[in-house]
Amino acid sequence: MMGKALSQEVTIPSNVTTLYARLHTRIDGRWEAVDAAYLANARPNSRPAEITSPRPGTILQENSVRIEWSGGIGVHEYRIDVGSLPGGTDIFSRNVGQATDVTVQDLPADGRFLYVRLWNRLGFDWIPSYAVFKAPATRLE
């Protein structure tokens, strides 16, 4: 769908358990994409965690960041990836077990977007949650 629509209704087949969406937004003449994943026809009593701090969209002021997330329901373990591109792992990638936070150090200091993907293992499925931050523009000591 094109234009200024703020929502789009879709029909989800009954055999689909995870729905992936990508929202493209044009900002200052440049296209940006934000990914999201939703549980469809989900298991009862399960919910993936969501990143709570810093708030998605935050412009970071430090060269390290503590990323925190809500505890999901029925989640067996978490994995977190941070990259310079959506889906990337070039900055940080680690399985963190049942932890609900992690500190990422030595962030780039060039103002680039940082794409965070928090993986939630629900049974045999890995369900991602997403956030985008902006790295600090200069190296802070």
N, C-alpha and C. Protein backbone atom coordinates (compact mmCIF):
# COMPACT_ATOMS: atom_id res chain seq x y z
N MET A 1 0.84 -1.17 0.00
CA MET A 1 0.00 0.00 0.00
C MET A 1 0.89 1.23 0.00
N MET A 2 0.52 2.21 -0.75
CA MET A 2 1.29 3.44 -0.85
C MET A 2 0.49 4.58 -0.27
N GLY A 3 1.14 5.70 -0.04
CA GLY A 3 0.43 6.88 0.42
C GLY A 3 0.66 7.12 1.89
N LYS A 4 -0.35 7.72 2.52
CA LYS A 4 -0.23 8.14 3.91
C LYS A 4 -1.05 7.27 4.86
N ALA A 5 -1.29 6.05 4.50
CA ALA A 5 -2.06 5.14 5.36
C ALA A 5 -1.32 4.90 6.66
N LEU A 6 -2.05 4.85 7.76
CA LEU A 6 -1.46 4.59 9.07
C LEU A 6 -1.67 3.16 9.53
N SER A 7 -2.44 2.39 8.76
CA SER A 7 -2.65 0.98 9.11
C SER A 7 -3.01 0.20 7.86
N GLN A 8 -2.85 -1.10 7.96
CA GLN A 8 -3.21 -1.99 6.85
C GLN A 8 -3.71 -3.29 7.45
N GLU A 9 -4.90 -3.70 7.09
CA GLU A 9 -5.45 -4.96 7.57
C GLU A 9 -5.01 -6.08 6.65
N VAL A 10 -4.63 -7.21 7.25
CA VAL A 10 -4.23 -8.38 6.48
C VAL A 10 -4.96 -9.61 7.02
N THR A 11 -5.17 -10.58 6.17
CA THR A 11 -5.76 -11.85 6.58
C THR A 11 -4.63 -12.84 6.79
N ILE A 12 -4.62 -13.50 7.94
CA ILE A 12 -3.54 -14.42 8.28
C ILE A 12 -4.04 -15.84 8.16
N PRO A 13 -3.40 -16.65 7.31
CA PRO A 13 -3.81 -18.06 7.20
C PRO A 13 -3.64 -18.77 8.54
N SER A 14 -4.47 -19.75 8.81
CA SER A 14 -4.46 -20.45 10.10
C SER A 14 -3.18 -21.24 10.34
N ASN A 15 -2.41 -21.56 9.30
CA ASN A 15 -1.18 -22.33 9.49
C ASN A 15 0.04 -21.44 9.72
N VAL A 16 -0.13 -20.13 9.82
CA VAL A 16 0.97 -19.20 10.04
C VAL A 16 1.06 -18.91 11.54
N THR A 17 2.27 -19.07 12.12
CA THR A 17 2.45 -18.79 13.54
C THR A 17 3.20 -17.49 13.79
N THR A 18 4.01 -17.05 12.84
CA THR A 18 4.74 -15.80 12.98
C THR A 18 4.54 -14.96 11.73
N LEU A 19 4.17 -13.72 11.93
CA LEU A 19 3.97 -12.79 10.82
C LEU A 19 5.06 -11.73 10.89
N TYR A 20 5.80 -11.56 9.81
CA TYR A 20 6.86 -10.57 9.75
C TYR A 20 6.39 -9.40 8.90
N ALA A 21 6.68 -8.18 9.36
CA ALA A 21 6.27 -6.98 8.63
C ALA A 21 7.46 -6.03 8.53
N ARG A 22 7.52 -5.28 7.47
CA ARG A 22 8.55 -4.25 7.29
C ARG A 22 7.84 -2.96 6.88
N LEU A 23 8.02 -1.92 7.67
CA LEU A 23 7.45 -0.61 7.40
C LEU A 23 8.53 0.27 6.79
N HIS A 24 8.29 0.75 5.59
CA HIS A 24 9.21 1.67 4.93
C HIS A 24 8.69 3.09 5.11
N THR A 25 9.57 3.98 5.55
CA THR A 25 9.21 5.37 5.76
C THR A 25 10.25 6.25 5.08
N ARG A 26 9.76 7.25 4.36
CA ARG A 26 10.69 8.19 3.70
C ARG A 26 10.89 9.39 4.61
N ILE A 27 12.14 9.59 5.05
CA ILE A 27 12.50 10.68 5.95
C ILE A 27 13.59 11.50 5.28
N ASP A 28 13.30 12.77 5.06
CA ASP A 28 14.27 13.68 4.41
C ASP A 28 14.81 13.09 3.12
N GLY A 29 13.93 12.49 2.31
CA GLY A 29 14.33 11.95 1.02
C GLY A 29 15.03 10.61 1.06
N ARG A 30 15.19 10.03 2.25
CA ARG A 30 15.88 8.76 2.40
C ARG A 30 14.91 7.72 2.98
N TRP A 31 14.89 6.53 2.41
CA TRP A 31 14.01 5.48 2.88
C TRP A 31 14.63 4.76 4.07
N GLU A 32 13.85 4.60 5.13
CA GLU A 32 14.24 3.85 6.31
C GLU A 32 13.25 2.70 6.47
N ALA A 33 13.72 1.57 6.96
CA ALA A 33 12.86 0.41 7.17
C ALA A 33 12.92 -0.01 8.63
N VAL A 34 11.76 -0.37 9.16
CA VAL A 34 11.67 -0.91 10.52
C VAL A 34 10.95 -2.24 10.42
N ASP A 35 11.56 -3.27 10.99
CA ASP A 35 10.99 -4.60 10.95
C ASP A 35 10.25 -4.90 12.24
N ALA A 36 9.26 -5.76 12.14
CA ALA A 36 8.51 -6.21 13.30
C ALA A 36 8.07 -7.65 13.07
N ALA A 37 7.86 -8.35 14.16
CA ALA A 37 7.34 -9.72 14.08
C ALA A 37 6.20 -9.84 15.07
N TYR A 38 5.17 -10.55 14.67
CA TYR A 38 3.99 -10.73 15.50
C TYR A 38 3.66 -12.21 15.58
N LEU A 39 3.20 -12.63 16.75
CA LEU A 39 2.73 -13.99 16.88
C LEU A 39 1.30 -14.05 16.37
N ALA A 40 1.07 -14.94 15.44
CA ALA A 40 -0.27 -15.15 14.91
C ALA A 40 -0.71 -16.54 15.33
N ASN A 41 -1.97 -16.68 15.67
CA ASN A 41 -2.46 -17.99 16.09
C ASN A 41 -1.53 -18.55 17.16
N ALA A 42 -1.18 -17.70 18.13
CA ALA A 42 -0.13 -17.99 19.10
C ALA A 42 -0.51 -19.07 20.09
N ARG A 43 0.55 -19.61 20.70
CA ARG A 43 0.36 -20.55 21.80
C ARG A 43 -0.28 -19.79 22.95
N PRO A 44 -1.20 -20.43 23.65
CA PRO A 44 -1.75 -19.76 24.84
C PRO A 44 -0.65 -19.62 25.89
N ASN A 45 -0.76 -18.58 26.68
CA ASN A 45 0.17 -18.33 27.78
C ASN A 45 1.61 -18.13 27.32
N SER A 46 1.81 -17.53 26.16
CA SER A 46 3.17 -17.19 25.73
C SER A 46 3.16 -15.79 25.12
N ARG A 47 4.27 -15.08 25.34
CA ARG A 47 4.42 -13.74 24.77
C ARG A 47 5.91 -13.41 24.72
N PRO A 48 6.41 -12.97 23.58
CA PRO A 48 7.82 -12.58 23.53
C PRO A 48 8.07 -11.30 24.32
N ALA A 49 9.30 -11.12 24.76
CA ALA A 49 9.70 -9.90 25.46
C ALA A 49 9.77 -8.74 24.48
N GLU A 50 9.71 -7.54 25.02
CA GLU A 50 9.88 -6.32 24.22
C GLU A 50 10.96 -5.47 24.85
N ILE A 51 11.74 -4.80 24.02
CA ILE A 51 12.80 -3.92 24.50
C ILE A 51 12.15 -2.71 25.17
N THR A 52 12.56 -2.43 26.41
CA THR A 52 11.95 -1.35 27.18
C THR A 52 12.89 -0.17 27.42
N SER A 53 14.21 -0.42 27.39
CA SER A 53 15.14 0.66 27.65
C SER A 53 16.46 0.39 26.94
N PRO A 54 17.02 1.39 26.30
CA PRO A 54 16.41 2.69 26.06
C PRO A 54 15.20 2.55 25.14
N ARG A 55 14.37 3.55 25.12
CA ARG A 55 13.20 3.50 24.26
C ARG A 55 13.64 3.46 22.80
N PRO A 56 12.99 2.62 21.99
CA PRO A 56 13.32 2.60 20.56
C PRO A 56 13.28 4.01 19.97
N GLY A 57 14.26 4.32 19.14
CA GLY A 57 14.37 5.64 18.53
C GLY A 57 15.29 6.58 19.29
N THR A 58 15.76 6.16 20.46
CA THR A 58 16.64 7.00 21.28
C THR A 58 17.95 7.30 20.56
N ILE A 59 18.42 8.54 20.69
CA ILE A 59 19.76 8.91 20.24
C ILE A 59 20.67 8.72 21.45
N LEU A 60 21.57 7.77 21.36
CA LEU A 60 22.43 7.41 22.49
C LEU A 60 23.46 8.50 22.74
N GLN A 61 23.80 8.71 24.01
CA GLN A 61 24.75 9.75 24.40
C GLN A 61 26.09 9.19 24.86
N GLU A 62 26.17 7.87 24.97
CA GLU A 62 27.38 7.22 25.49
C GLU A 62 27.90 6.22 24.45
N ASN A 63 29.13 5.76 24.67
CA ASN A 63 29.73 4.76 23.78
C ASN A 63 29.38 3.34 24.19
N SER A 64 28.57 3.21 25.24
CA SER A 64 28.03 1.91 25.62
C SER A 64 26.57 2.11 25.98
N VAL A 65 25.81 1.03 25.92
CA VAL A 65 24.39 1.12 26.23
C VAL A 65 23.95 -0.14 26.95
N ARG A 66 23.15 0.03 27.97
CA ARG A 66 22.52 -1.11 28.65
C ARG A 66 21.13 -1.26 28.03
N ILE A 67 20.90 -2.39 27.38
CA ILE A 67 19.62 -2.67 26.74
C ILE A 67 18.84 -3.59 27.68
N GLU A 68 17.61 -3.19 28.00
CA GLU A 68 16.77 -3.96 28.90
C GLU A 68 15.48 -4.35 28.17
N TRP A 69 14.90 -5.47 28.59
CA TRP A 69 13.65 -5.90 27.99
C TRP A 69 12.74 -6.50 29.04
N SER A 70 11.45 -6.45 28.75
CA SER A 70 10.47 -7.07 29.64
C SER A 70 10.66 -8.57 29.59
N GLY A 71 10.38 -9.23 30.69
CA GLY A 71 10.46 -10.69 30.65
C GLY A 71 9.27 -11.22 29.87
N GLY A 72 9.53 -12.00 28.84
CA GLY A 72 8.45 -12.60 28.08
C GLY A 72 7.77 -13.70 28.89
N ILE A 73 6.67 -14.17 28.40
CA ILE A 73 5.94 -15.25 29.06
C ILE A 73 6.17 -16.52 28.25
N GLY A 74 6.68 -17.55 28.92
CA GLY A 74 6.95 -18.81 28.24
C GLY A 74 8.23 -18.82 27.44
N VAL A 75 9.07 -17.78 27.60
CA VAL A 75 10.33 -17.69 26.86
C VAL A 75 11.39 -18.53 27.57
N HIS A 76 12.05 -19.41 26.83
CA HIS A 76 13.08 -20.29 27.39
C HIS A 76 14.45 -19.62 27.46
N GLU A 77 14.76 -18.78 26.46
CA GLU A 77 16.04 -18.08 26.45
C GLU A 77 15.97 -16.93 25.45
N TYR A 78 16.96 -16.02 25.58
CA TYR A 78 17.04 -14.85 24.72
C TYR A 78 18.39 -14.82 24.00
N ARG A 79 18.39 -14.17 22.87
CA ARG A 79 19.60 -13.88 22.12
C ARG A 79 19.44 -12.46 21.62
N ILE A 80 20.52 -11.68 21.61
CA ILE A 80 20.42 -10.31 21.14
C ILE A 80 21.50 -10.03 20.11
N ASP A 81 21.09 -9.38 19.03
CA ASP A 81 21.99 -8.99 17.95
C ASP A 81 21.89 -7.47 17.75
N VAL A 82 23.05 -6.83 17.54
CA VAL A 82 23.09 -5.40 17.22
C VAL A 82 23.93 -5.25 15.97
N GLY A 83 23.39 -4.55 14.98
CA GLY A 83 24.11 -4.40 13.73
C GLY A 83 23.95 -3.03 13.11
N SER A 84 24.79 -2.75 12.14
CA SER A 84 24.74 -1.49 11.40
C SER A 84 23.64 -1.49 10.34
N LEU A 85 23.14 -2.68 10.03
CA LEU A 85 22.06 -2.84 9.04
C LEU A 85 20.98 -3.70 9.68
N PRO A 86 19.74 -3.60 9.21
CA PRO A 86 18.70 -4.48 9.74
C PRO A 86 19.11 -5.95 9.62
N GLY A 87 19.00 -6.69 10.71
CA GLY A 87 19.41 -8.09 10.71
C GLY A 87 20.89 -8.31 10.92
N GLY A 88 21.65 -7.24 11.07
CA GLY A 88 23.10 -7.35 11.20
C GLY A 88 23.55 -7.78 12.58
N THR A 89 24.76 -8.31 12.64
CA THR A 89 25.37 -8.74 13.91
C THR A 89 26.79 -8.22 14.04
N ASP A 90 27.16 -7.22 13.25
CA ASP A 90 28.54 -6.75 13.21
C ASP A 90 28.98 -6.00 14.47
N ILE A 91 28.05 -5.54 15.29
CA ILE A 91 28.42 -4.79 16.49
C ILE A 91 28.38 -5.67 17.74
N PHE A 92 27.37 -6.55 17.82
CA PHE A 92 27.21 -7.38 19.01
C PHE A 92 26.29 -8.54 18.68
N SER A 93 26.59 -9.71 19.23
CA SER A 93 25.72 -10.88 19.05
C SER A 93 26.02 -11.85 20.18
N ARG A 94 24.98 -12.17 20.99
CA ARG A 94 25.23 -13.06 22.12
C ARG A 94 23.93 -13.71 22.59
N ASN A 95 24.06 -14.98 22.97
CA ASN A 95 22.98 -15.67 23.66
C ASN A 95 23.11 -15.26 25.12
N VAL A 96 22.01 -14.77 25.72
CA VAL A 96 22.08 -14.27 27.09
C VAL A 96 21.24 -15.09 28.06
N GLY A 97 20.81 -16.28 27.65
CA GLY A 97 20.04 -17.15 28.53
C GLY A 97 18.75 -16.50 28.98
N GLN A 98 18.52 -16.47 30.29
CA GLN A 98 17.29 -15.89 30.86
C GLN A 98 17.47 -14.43 31.30
N ALA A 99 18.64 -13.84 31.04
CA ALA A 99 18.88 -12.44 31.44
C ALA A 99 17.87 -11.53 30.76
N THR A 100 17.56 -10.41 31.41
CA THR A 100 16.65 -9.43 30.81
C THR A 100 17.35 -8.09 30.57
N ASP A 101 18.67 -8.13 30.50
CA ASP A 101 19.43 -6.95 30.11
C ASP A 101 20.82 -7.38 29.65
N VAL A 102 21.46 -6.50 28.91
CA VAL A 102 22.83 -6.73 28.46
C VAL A 102 23.46 -5.35 28.20
N THR A 103 24.76 -5.24 28.44
CA THR A 103 25.47 -4.00 28.13
C THR A 103 26.32 -4.21 26.89
N VAL A 104 26.14 -3.33 25.92
CA VAL A 104 26.91 -3.37 24.68
C VAL A 104 27.90 -2.21 24.73
N GLN A 105 29.19 -2.53 24.61
CA GLN A 105 30.24 -1.52 24.72
C GLN A 105 30.88 -1.26 23.36
N ASP A 106 31.69 -0.22 23.32
CA ASP A 106 32.45 0.15 22.12
C ASP A 106 31.55 0.38 20.91
N LEU A 107 30.48 1.14 21.12
CA LEU A 107 29.58 1.47 20.01
C LEU A 107 30.30 2.39 19.03
N PRO A 108 29.96 2.31 17.76
CA PRO A 108 30.55 3.26 16.81
C PRO A 108 30.14 4.68 17.19
N ALA A 109 30.99 5.65 16.89
CA ALA A 109 30.74 7.04 17.27
C ALA A 109 30.56 7.90 16.03
N ASP A 110 29.69 7.44 15.13
CA ASP A 110 29.52 8.18 13.87
C ASP A 110 28.06 8.53 13.59
N GLY A 111 27.19 8.38 14.59
CA GLY A 111 25.79 8.77 14.42
C GLY A 111 24.96 7.82 13.58
N ARG A 112 25.46 6.63 13.28
CA ARG A 112 24.71 5.69 12.44
C ARG A 112 23.54 5.09 13.22
N PHE A 113 22.59 4.53 12.49
CA PHE A 113 21.49 3.80 13.12
C PHE A 113 22.02 2.45 13.58
N LEU A 114 21.55 2.01 14.75
CA LEU A 114 21.90 0.70 15.30
C LEU A 114 20.63 -0.13 15.35
N TYR A 115 20.64 -1.26 14.69
CA TYR A 115 19.47 -2.12 14.58
C TYR A 115 19.61 -3.26 15.59
N VAL A 116 18.65 -3.34 16.51
CA VAL A 116 18.69 -4.33 17.57
C VAL A 116 17.60 -5.36 17.33
N ARG A 117 17.98 -6.61 17.46
CA ARG A 117 17.03 -7.71 17.32
C ARG A 117 17.17 -8.59 18.55
N LEU A 118 16.09 -8.67 19.33
CA LEU A 118 16.04 -9.51 20.52
C LEU A 118 15.27 -10.77 20.16
N TRP A 119 15.97 -11.90 20.18
CA TRP A 119 15.35 -13.18 19.84
C TRP A 119 14.79 -13.81 21.10
N ASN A 120 13.57 -14.32 21.03
CA ASN A 120 12.88 -15.00 22.12
C ASN A 120 12.63 -16.43 21.70
N ARG A 121 13.15 -17.41 22.47
CA ARG A 121 12.87 -18.79 22.11
C ARG A 121 11.63 -19.25 22.86
N LEU A 122 10.57 -19.49 22.11
CA LEU A 122 9.30 -20.00 22.63
C LEU A 122 9.15 -21.42 22.08
N GLY A 123 9.39 -22.42 22.91
CA GLY A 123 9.38 -23.80 22.41
C GLY A 123 10.53 -23.98 21.44
N PHE A 124 10.20 -24.38 20.20
CA PHE A 124 11.23 -24.55 19.17
C PHE A 124 11.35 -23.34 18.26
N ASP A 125 10.50 -22.34 18.45
CA ASP A 125 10.48 -21.16 17.59
C ASP A 125 11.29 -20.02 18.19
N TRP A 126 12.00 -19.30 17.34
CA TRP A 126 12.70 -18.08 17.73
C TRP A 126 11.92 -16.90 17.16
N ILE A 127 11.38 -16.05 18.04
CA ILE A 127 10.55 -14.92 17.65
C ILE A 127 11.32 -13.64 17.95
N PRO A 128 11.53 -12.77 16.95
CA PRO A 128 12.30 -11.56 17.21
C PRO A 128 11.42 -10.38 17.65
N SER A 129 12.03 -9.50 18.45
CA SER A 129 11.50 -8.18 18.76
C SER A 129 12.55 -7.20 18.26
N TYR A 130 12.13 -6.03 17.80
CA TYR A 130 13.05 -5.11 17.15
C TYR A 130 13.06 -3.74 17.81
N ALA A 131 14.20 -3.05 17.69
CA ALA A 131 14.32 -1.65 18.07
C ALA A 131 15.43 -1.04 17.23
N VAL A 132 15.35 0.26 17.04
CA VAL A 132 16.40 1.00 16.33
C VAL A 132 16.82 2.15 17.23
N PHE A 133 18.14 2.30 17.41
CA PHE A 133 18.71 3.42 18.15
C PHE A 133 19.65 4.15 17.22
N LYS A 134 20.09 5.32 17.66
CA LYS A 134 21.09 6.06 16.89
C LYS A 134 22.34 6.17 17.76
N ALA A 135 23.48 5.79 17.18
CA ALA A 135 24.76 5.84 17.90
C ALA A 135 25.14 7.29 18.17
N PRO A 136 25.99 7.52 19.19
CA PRO A 136 26.47 8.88 19.43
C PRO A 136 27.26 9.37 18.21
N ALA A 137 27.26 10.68 18.01
CA ALA A 137 27.91 11.23 16.82
C ALA A 137 29.40 11.43 17.02
N THR A 138 29.89 11.45 18.24
CA THR A 138 31.32 11.61 18.50
C THR A 138 31.74 10.67 19.61
N ARG A 139 33.03 10.32 19.64
CA ARG A 139 33.59 9.45 20.67
C ARG A 139 33.63 10.21 21.98
N LEU A 140 33.05 9.63 23.02
CA LEU A 140 33.04 10.24 24.36
C LEU A 140 33.99 9.47 25.24
N GLU A 141 34.79 10.15 25.99
CA GLU A 141 35.76 9.49 26.90
C GLU A 141 35.31 9.66 28.33
